[in-house]
Amino acid sequence: MALAWRWVGPLWAAFALALAWAAQRKAEEGVWEAHEVRALRRLAFALACAATLRWLVHGFDVWDFGYLPYARRAALVPFFNSRFAEGALAACAWALLIRSGGAFRVLGFLGLQIVGGLTLSLELAHTVVHLGGSVRAGSIVLTLAWALFGALQWLRGLKAQEGALALAAAGYTWLGLASLKLIFADLARADTPTKALAFLGVGAIFLTAALVGNKVRGERGQNDN
C-alpha cells in the first residue's frame, strides 16, 4: 500500500501532462470544437493542481521539512525517486498549459515557477545530503539555485520579445527569495566557512547577472539606433 501511494502523485502528474498535451494537439489540428478543447484543458488543470498538492505533501515530507529520519532522506537516489518524478511531470504539465493562452497561460506560468523551481532546487539540495553533506550545506545549495533561477529568468526577460514582463517578475521574485533566505536563514545559522560560501556564491551570481544584463541592454540600444 505504501509503495502504491508513493506513485499516486507521479501517475496524477502523468495524466495531467497527457491531457494538456492532447488539448494542445487538438487545438493545433483544429479538429475539435473550442469548448471541447477548453474542457480537456480544465481537466488537465484540475489534475495538475491535484498532483501539485500531492507533491507538496510528499516532497516536503521527504526532505528536511518533515519528520522523515535523516537516513531515509539520504537513501533516496537523487533524480531517481517518486518525489522528483511527480514534481517534474507536474511541471511539464504546467509548462504545456502556458501555451493554451488566456487564464491558463498565467496559471501555467505560475505553476511552472513554483513546481519546477522547487522540484529542481530541492533535488539539488537533496543531492548534497545524499552525497554526505550536511543539511546546512544543502540549504546553501537551495539558496544558490534560487538565485541562479532568478538571474537566468531576468536575463531572458531582457532578450524576450514576448512575456518579458512575466520573466522579469519571476526573476526578481526568485532573486528576492534567495536574498531573504540568505540573510535570515543561511547567514544566521551556518558556520563561518559556510556563510562565506553562501555570501560569495550569491554575490557572484548577482554580479554576473548585472554585468551580462548591462551588456545585453547595450546591444539592444545599438540595434535600436
C-alpha atoms as a PDB file:
ATOM      1  CA  MET A   1       0.000   0.000   0.000  1.00  0.00           C
ATOM      2  CA  ALA A   2       2.838   2.391   0.862  1.00  0.00           C
ATOM      3  CA  LEU A   3       4.557   1.662  -2.443  1.00  0.00           C
ATOM      4  CA  ALA A   4       1.322   2.238  -4.351  1.00  0.00           C
ATOM      5  CA  TRP A   5       0.620   5.513  -2.529  1.00  0.00           C
ATOM      6  CA  ARG A   6       4.141   6.731  -3.306  1.00  0.00           C
ATOM      7  CA  TRP A   7       3.428   6.558  -7.023  1.00  0.00           C
ATOM      8  CA  VAL A   8      -0.031   8.123  -6.913  1.00  0.00           C
ATOM      9  CA  GLY A   9       1.451  11.593  -7.391  1.00  0.00           C
ATOM     10  CA  PRO A  10       3.536  10.688 -10.456  1.00  0.00           C
ATOM     11  CA  LEU A  11       0.501   8.991 -12.019  1.00  0.00           C
ATOM     12  CA  TRP A  12      -1.686  12.049 -11.459  1.00  0.00           C
ATOM     13  CA  ALA A  13       1.037  14.266 -12.895  1.00  0.00           C
ATOM     14  CA  ALA A  14       1.469  11.956 -15.899  1.00  0.00           C
ATOM     15  CA  PHE A  15      -2.276  12.051 -16.586  1.00  0.00           C
ATOM     16  CA  ALA A  16      -2.248  15.851 -16.302  1.00  0.00           C
ATOM     17  CA  LEU A  17       0.651  16.027 -18.749  1.00  0.00           C
ATOM     18  CA  ALA A  18      -1.116  13.686 -21.184  1.00  0.00           C
ATOM     19  CA  LEU A  19      -4.340  15.709 -21.038  1.00  0.00           C
ATOM     20  CA  ALA A  20      -2.509  19.015 -21.508  1.00  0.00           C
ATOM     21  CA  TRP A  21      -0.609  17.583 -24.475  1.00  0.00           C
ATOM     22  CA  ALA A  22      -3.797  16.174 -26.017  1.00  0.00           C
ATOM     23  CA  ALA A  23      -5.601  19.501 -25.621  1.00  0.00           C
ATOM     24  CA  GLN A  24      -2.723  21.378 -27.240  1.00  0.00           C
ATOM     25  CA  ARG A  25      -2.517  18.858 -30.076  1.00  0.00           C
ATOM     26  CA  LYS A  26      -6.251  19.015 -30.804  1.00  0.00           C
ATOM     27  CA  ALA A  27      -6.198  22.809 -30.687  1.00  0.00           C
ATOM     28  CA  GLU A  28      -3.368  22.915 -33.234  1.00  0.00           C
ATOM     29  CA  GLU A  29      -5.075  20.408 -35.514  1.00  0.00           C
ATOM     30  CA  GLY A  30      -8.380  22.272 -35.306  1.00  0.00           C
ATOM     31  CA  VAL A  31     -10.434  19.068 -35.364  1.00  0.00           C
ATOM     32  CA  TRP A  32     -12.211  19.761 -32.069  1.00  0.00           C
ATOM     33  CA  GLU A  33     -14.619  22.488 -31.118  1.00  0.00           C
ATOM     34  CA  ALA A  34     -13.274  25.237 -28.873  1.00  0.00           C
ATOM     35  CA  HIS A  35     -15.455  24.216 -25.922  1.00  0.00           C
ATOM     36  CA  GLU A  36     -14.178  20.623 -26.172  1.00  0.00           C
ATOM     37  CA  VAL A  37     -10.574  21.792 -26.030  1.00  0.00           C
ATOM     38  CA  ARG A  38     -11.380  24.035 -23.063  1.00  0.00           C
ATOM     39  CA  ALA A  39     -12.986  21.120 -21.228  1.00  0.00           C
ATOM     40  CA  LEU A  40      -9.889  18.993 -21.773  1.00  0.00           C
ATOM     41  CA  ARG A  41      -7.671  21.808 -20.547  1.00  0.00           C
ATOM     42  CA  ARG A  42      -9.813  22.197 -17.443  1.00  0.00           C
ATOM     43  CA  LEU A  43      -9.348  18.510 -16.695  1.00  0.00           C
ATOM     44  CA  ALA A  44      -5.603  18.882 -17.199  1.00  0.00           C
ATOM     45  CA  PHE A  45      -5.591  21.919 -14.902  1.00  0.00           C
ATOM     46  CA  ALA A  46      -7.537  20.088 -12.188  1.00  0.00           C
ATOM     47  CA  LEU A  47      -5.214  17.083 -12.314  1.00  0.00           C
ATOM     48  CA  ALA A  48      -2.151  19.350 -12.331  1.00  0.00           C
ATOM     49  CA  CYS A  49      -3.474  21.054  -9.181  1.00  0.00           C
ATOM     50  CA  ALA A  50      -4.089  17.680  -7.512  1.00  0.00           C
ATOM     51  CA  ALA A  51      -0.620  16.438  -8.467  1.00  0.00           C
ATOM     52  CA  THR A  52       0.935  19.676  -7.214  1.00  0.00           C
ATOM     53  CA  LEU A  53      -0.780  19.417  -3.830  1.00  0.00           C
ATOM     54  CA  ARG A  54       0.259  15.772  -3.577  1.00  0.00           C
ATOM     55  CA  TRP A  55       3.825  16.734  -4.474  1.00  0.00           C
ATOM     56  CA  LEU A  56       3.893  19.473  -1.838  1.00  0.00           C
ATOM     57  CA  VAL A  57       2.890  16.993   0.864  1.00  0.00           C
ATOM     58  CA  HIS A  58       5.222  14.289  -0.440  1.00  0.00           C
ATOM     59  CA  GLY A  59       8.207  16.499  -1.221  1.00  0.00           C
ATOM     60  CA  PHE A  60       8.297  18.493   1.984  1.00  0.00           C
ATOM     61  CA  ASP A  61       7.826  15.300   3.983  1.00  0.00           C
ATOM     62  CA  VAL A  62      10.891  13.724   2.426  1.00  0.00           C
ATOM     63  CA  TRP A  63      13.475  16.499   2.559  1.00  0.00           C
ATOM     64  CA  ASP A  64      14.345  18.498   5.664  1.00  0.00           C
ATOM     65  CA  PHE A  65      10.854  19.887   6.249  1.00  0.00           C
ATOM     66  CA  GLY A  66       9.185  16.790   7.679  1.00  0.00           C
ATOM     67  CA  TYR A  67       9.679  14.052  10.229  1.00  0.00           C
ATOM     68  CA  LEU A  68      11.357  11.544   7.931  1.00  0.00           C
ATOM     69  CA  PRO A  69      14.630  10.348   9.518  1.00  0.00           C
ATOM     70  CA  TYR A  70      17.900  11.598   8.057  1.00  0.00           C
ATOM     71  CA  ALA A  71      18.888   8.084   6.975  1.00  0.00           C
ATOM     72  CA  ARG A  72      15.687   7.716   4.958  1.00  0.00           C
ATOM     73  CA  ARG A  73      16.186  11.063   3.227  1.00  0.00           C
ATOM     74  CA  ALA A  74      19.784  10.243   2.340  1.00  0.00           C
ATOM     75  CA  ALA A  75      18.779   6.822   0.976  1.00  0.00           C
ATOM     76  CA  LEU A  76      16.602   8.306  -1.767  1.00  0.00           C
ATOM     77  CA  VAL A  77      18.610   8.367  -5.001  1.00  0.00           C
ATOM     78  CA  PRO A  78      18.678  11.941  -6.354  1.00  0.00           C
ATOM     79  CA  PHE A  79      16.615  12.460  -9.514  1.00  0.00           C
ATOM     80  CA  PHE A  80      15.534   8.786  -9.455  1.00  0.00           C
ATOM     81  CA  ASN A  81      12.733   8.813  -6.905  1.00  0.00           C
ATOM     82  CA  SER A  82       8.973   9.213  -6.933  1.00  0.00           C
ATOM     83  CA  ARG A  83       9.074  12.684  -5.398  1.00  0.00           C
ATOM     84  CA  PHE A  84      11.198  14.113  -8.204  1.00  0.00           C
ATOM     85  CA  ALA A  85       9.189  12.222 -10.825  1.00  0.00           C
ATOM     86  CA  GLU A  86       5.872  13.708  -9.729  1.00  0.00           C
ATOM     87  CA  GLY A  87       7.341  17.206  -9.464  1.00  0.00           C
ATOM     88  CA  ALA A  88       8.976  17.035 -12.886  1.00  0.00           C
ATOM     89  CA  LEU A  89       5.873  15.632 -14.584  1.00  0.00           C
ATOM     90  CA  ALA A  90       3.627  18.208 -12.920  1.00  0.00           C
ATOM     91  CA  ALA A  91       5.993  20.984 -14.005  1.00  0.00           C
ATOM     92  CA  CYS A  92       5.833  19.726 -17.601  1.00  0.00           C
ATOM     93  CA  ALA A  93       2.027  19.750 -17.422  1.00  0.00           C
ATOM     94  CA  TRP A  94       2.064  23.356 -16.200  1.00  0.00           C
ATOM     95  CA  ALA A  95       4.508  24.246 -18.983  1.00  0.00           C
ATOM     96  CA  LEU A  96       2.137  22.874 -21.622  1.00  0.00           C
ATOM     97  CA  LEU A  97      -0.746  24.856 -20.135  1.00  0.00           C
ATOM     98  CA  ILE A  98       1.262  28.048 -20.745  1.00  0.00           C
ATOM     99  CA  ARG A  99       0.731  27.528 -24.473  1.00  0.00           C
ATOM    100  CA  SER A 100      -3.037  27.494 -24.023  1.00  0.00           C
ATOM    101  CA  GLY A 101      -3.448  31.257 -23.745  1.00  0.00           C
ATOM    102  CA  GLY A 102      -5.811  33.244 -21.566  1.00  0.00           C
ATOM    103  CA  ALA A 103      -6.086  32.423 -17.873  1.00  0.00           C
ATOM    104  CA  PHE A 104      -4.436  29.035 -18.409  1.00  0.00           C
ATOM    105  CA  ARG A 105      -1.326  30.836 -19.661  1.00  0.00           C
ATOM    106  CA  VAL A 106      -0.983  32.815 -16.426  1.00  0.00           C
ATOM    107  CA  LEU A 107      -1.819  29.857 -14.180  1.00  0.00           C
ATOM    108  CA  GLY A 108       0.522  27.601 -16.129  1.00  0.00           C
ATOM    109  CA  PHE A 109       3.379  30.071 -15.751  1.00  0.00           C
ATOM    110  CA  LEU A 110       2.797  30.356 -12.007  1.00  0.00           C
ATOM    111  CA  GLY A 111       2.576  26.587 -11.653  1.00  0.00           C
ATOM    112  CA  LEU A 112       5.777  26.076 -13.620  1.00  0.00           C
ATOM    113  CA  GLN A 113       7.639  28.597 -11.491  1.00  0.00           C
ATOM    114  CA  ILE A 114       6.512  27.083  -8.202  1.00  0.00           C
ATOM    115  CA  VAL A 115       6.639  23.386  -9.018  1.00  0.00           C
ATOM    116  CA  GLY A 116       9.505  23.433 -11.491  1.00  0.00           C
ATOM    117  CA  GLY A 117      11.706  25.743  -9.463  1.00  0.00           C
ATOM    118  CA  LEU A 118      11.157  23.987  -6.155  1.00  0.00           C
ATOM    119  CA  THR A 119      11.431  20.492  -7.639  1.00  0.00           C
ATOM    120  CA  LEU A 120      14.819  21.134  -9.200  1.00  0.00           C
ATOM    121  CA  SER A 121      16.251  23.185  -6.341  1.00  0.00           C
ATOM    122  CA  LEU A 122      15.103  20.769  -3.626  1.00  0.00           C
ATOM    123  CA  GLU A 123      16.506  17.844  -5.576  1.00  0.00           C
ATOM    124  CA  LEU A 124      19.857  19.602  -5.937  1.00  0.00           C
ATOM    125  CA  ALA A 125      19.858  20.205  -2.192  1.00  0.00           C
ATOM    126  CA  HIS A 126      18.919  16.576  -1.586  1.00  0.00           C
ATOM    127  CA  THR A 127      21.844  15.527  -3.794  1.00  0.00           C
ATOM    128  CA  VAL A 128      24.225  17.308  -1.430  1.00  0.00           C
ATOM    129  CA  VAL A 129      22.710  15.496   1.564  1.00  0.00           C
ATOM    130  CA  HIS A 130      22.791  12.183  -0.298  1.00  0.00           C
ATOM    131  CA  LEU A 131      26.495  12.616  -1.069  1.00  0.00           C
ATOM    132  CA  GLY A 132      27.265  13.110   2.615  1.00  0.00           C
ATOM    133  CA  GLY A 133      26.908  16.852   3.020  1.00  0.00           C
ATOM    134  CA  SER A 134      25.137  18.462   5.925  1.00  0.00           C
ATOM    135  CA  VAL A 135      21.602  19.787   5.820  1.00  0.00           C
ATOM    136  CA  ARG A 136      23.037  23.304   6.151  1.00  0.00           C
ATOM    137  CA  ALA A 137      25.151  22.733   3.046  1.00  0.00           C
ATOM    138  CA  GLY A 138      22.034  21.542   1.242  1.00  0.00           C
ATOM    139  CA  SER A 139      20.263  24.700   2.352  1.00  0.00           C
ATOM    140  CA  ILE A 140      23.060  26.805   0.845  1.00  0.00           C
ATOM    141  CA  VAL A 141      22.685  24.954  -2.454  1.00  0.00           C
ATOM    142  CA  LEU A 142      18.960  25.699  -2.307  1.00  0.00           C
ATOM    143  CA  THR A 143      19.702  29.417  -1.954  1.00  0.00           C
ATOM    144  CA  LEU A 144      22.224  29.373  -4.795  1.00  0.00           C
ATOM    145  CA  ALA A 145      19.746  27.559  -7.041  1.00  0.00           C
ATOM    146  CA  TRP A 146      17.040  30.155  -6.362  1.00  0.00           C
ATOM    147  CA  ALA A 147      19.467  32.979  -7.101  1.00  0.00           C
ATOM    148  CA  LEU A 148      20.535  31.283 -10.333  1.00  0.00           C
ATOM    149  CA  PHE A 149      16.908  30.708 -11.402  1.00  0.00           C
ATOM    150  CA  GLY A 150      16.155  34.365 -10.792  1.00  0.00           C
ATOM    151  CA  ALA A 151      19.209  35.623 -12.638  1.00  0.00           C
ATOM    152  CA  LEU A 152      18.611  33.422 -15.682  1.00  0.00           C
ATOM    153  CA  GLN A 153      14.960  34.408 -15.989  1.00  0.00           C
ATOM    154  CA  TRP A 154      15.732  38.087 -15.504  1.00  0.00           C
ATOM    155  CA  LEU A 155      18.357  37.912 -18.258  1.00  0.00           C
ATOM    156  CA  ARG A 156      15.983  36.005 -20.503  1.00  0.00           C
ATOM    157  CA  GLY A 157      13.373  38.696 -19.922  1.00  0.00           C
ATOM    158  CA  LEU A 158      15.802  41.282 -21.291  1.00  0.00           C
ATOM    159  CA  LYS A 159      16.052  39.357 -24.564  1.00  0.00           C
ATOM    160  CA  ALA A 160      12.493  38.069 -24.885  1.00  0.00           C
ATOM    161  CA  GLN A 161      10.087  39.674 -27.329  1.00  0.00           C
ATOM    162  CA  GLU A 162       7.072  38.081 -25.652  1.00  0.00           C
ATOM    163  CA  GLY A 163       6.466  37.585 -21.951  1.00  0.00           C
ATOM    164  CA  ALA A 164       9.359  39.827 -20.944  1.00  0.00           C
ATOM    165  CA  LEU A 165       7.422  41.348 -18.043  1.00  0.00           C
ATOM    166  CA  ALA A 166       6.452  37.938 -16.636  1.00  0.00           C
ATOM    167  CA  LEU A 167      10.022  36.664 -16.885  1.00  0.00           C
ATOM    168  CA  ALA A 168      11.360  39.796 -15.226  1.00  0.00           C
ATOM    169  CA  ALA A 169       8.813  39.487 -12.404  1.00  0.00           C
ATOM    170  CA  ALA A 170       9.711  35.820 -11.903  1.00  0.00           C
ATOM    171  CA  GLY A 171      13.402  36.678 -11.913  1.00  0.00           C
ATOM    172  CA  TYR A 172      13.026  39.414  -9.324  1.00  0.00           C
ATOM    173  CA  THR A 173      10.879  37.129  -7.168  1.00  0.00           C
ATOM    174  CA  TRP A 174      13.430  34.313  -7.121  1.00  0.00           C
ATOM    175  CA  LEU A 175      16.270  36.771  -6.502  1.00  0.00           C
ATOM    176  CA  GLY A 176      14.319  38.312  -3.640  1.00  0.00           C
ATOM    177  CA  LEU A 177      13.566  34.932  -2.091  1.00  0.00           C
ATOM    178  CA  ALA A 178      17.226  33.949  -2.364  1.00  0.00           C
ATOM    179  CA  SER A 179      18.299  37.200  -0.711  1.00  0.00           C
ATOM    180  CA  LEU A 180      15.831  36.840   2.167  1.00  0.00           C
ATOM    181  CA  LYS A 181      16.794  33.213   2.739  1.00  0.00           C
ATOM    182  CA  LEU A 182      20.479  34.140   2.669  1.00  0.00           C
ATOM    183  CA  ILE A 183      20.043  36.875   5.285  1.00  0.00           C
ATOM    184  CA  PHE A 184      17.540  35.335   7.667  1.00  0.00           C
ATOM    185  CA  ALA A 185      18.380  31.624   7.395  1.00  0.00           C
ATOM    186  CA  ASP A 186      21.787  30.839   5.939  1.00  0.00           C
ATOM    187  CA  LEU A 187      23.905  33.631   7.441  1.00  0.00           C
ATOM    188  CA  ALA A 188      22.111  33.375  10.770  1.00  0.00           C
ATOM    189  CA  ARG A 189      22.588  29.639  11.310  1.00  0.00           C
ATOM    190  CA  ALA A 190      25.609  28.460   9.333  1.00  0.00           C
ATOM    191  CA  ASP A 191      29.223  28.353  10.479  1.00  0.00           C
ATOM    192  CA  THR A 192      31.789  30.836   9.180  1.00  0.00           C
ATOM    193  CA  PRO A 193      33.066  28.872   6.129  1.00  0.00           C
ATOM    194  CA  THR A 194      29.518  28.085   5.035  1.00  0.00           C
ATOM    195  CA  LYS A 195      28.498  31.724   5.495  1.00  0.00           C
ATOM    196  CA  ALA A 196      31.399  32.813   3.300  1.00  0.00           C
ATOM    197  CA  LEU A 197      30.476  30.260   0.631  1.00  0.00           C
ATOM    198  CA  ALA A 198      26.842  31.352   0.616  1.00  0.00           C
ATOM    199  CA  PHE A 199      27.630  35.062   0.534  1.00  0.00           C
ATOM    200  CA  LEU A 200      30.268  34.743  -2.191  1.00  0.00           C
ATOM    201  CA  GLY A 201      28.121  32.400  -4.288  1.00  0.00           C
ATOM    202  CA  VAL A 202      25.020  34.581  -4.242  1.00  0.00           C
ATOM    203  CA  GLY A 203      27.134  37.704  -4.722  1.00  0.00           C
ATOM    204  CA  ALA A 204      28.857  36.178  -7.750  1.00  0.00           C
ATOM    205  CA  ILE A 205      25.503  35.302  -9.314  1.00  0.00           C
ATOM    206  CA  PHE A 206      24.150  38.823  -8.737  1.00  0.00           C
ATOM    207  CA  LEU A 207      27.310  40.447 -10.112  1.00  0.00           C
ATOM    208  CA  THR A 208      27.421  38.214 -13.189  1.00  0.00           C
ATOM    209  CA  ALA A 209      23.745  38.862 -13.909  1.00  0.00           C
ATOM    210  CA  ALA A 210      24.270  42.620 -13.601  1.00  0.00           C
ATOM    211  CA  LEU A 211      27.266  42.598 -15.954  1.00  0.00           C
ATOM    212  CA  VAL A 212      25.582  40.398 -18.558  1.00  0.00           C
ATOM    213  CA  GLY A 213      22.363  42.408 -18.278  1.00  0.00           C
ATOM    214  CA  ASN A 214      24.240  45.651 -18.851  1.00  0.00           C
ATOM    215  CA  LYS A 215      25.863  44.141 -21.939  1.00  0.00           C
ATOM    216  CA  VAL A 216      22.512  42.935 -23.291  1.00  0.00           C
ATOM    217  CA  ARG A 217      20.948  46.354 -22.768  1.00  0.00           C
ATOM    218  CA  GLY A 218      23.869  47.980 -24.567  1.00  0.00           C
ATOM    219  CA  GLU A 219      23.465  45.646 -27.542  1.00  0.00           C
ATOM    220  CA  ARG A 220      19.722  46.323 -27.657  1.00  0.00           C
ATOM    221  CA  GLY A 221      20.371  50.057 -27.599  1.00  0.00           C
ATOM    222  CA  GLN A 222      22.783  49.769 -30.523  1.00  0.00           C
ATOM    223  CA  ASN A 223      20.302  47.691 -32.510  1.00  0.00           C
ATOM    224  CA  ASP A 224      17.522  50.201 -31.874  1.00  0.00           C
ATOM    225  CA  ASN A 225      19.711  53.014 -33.141  1.00  0.00           C
END
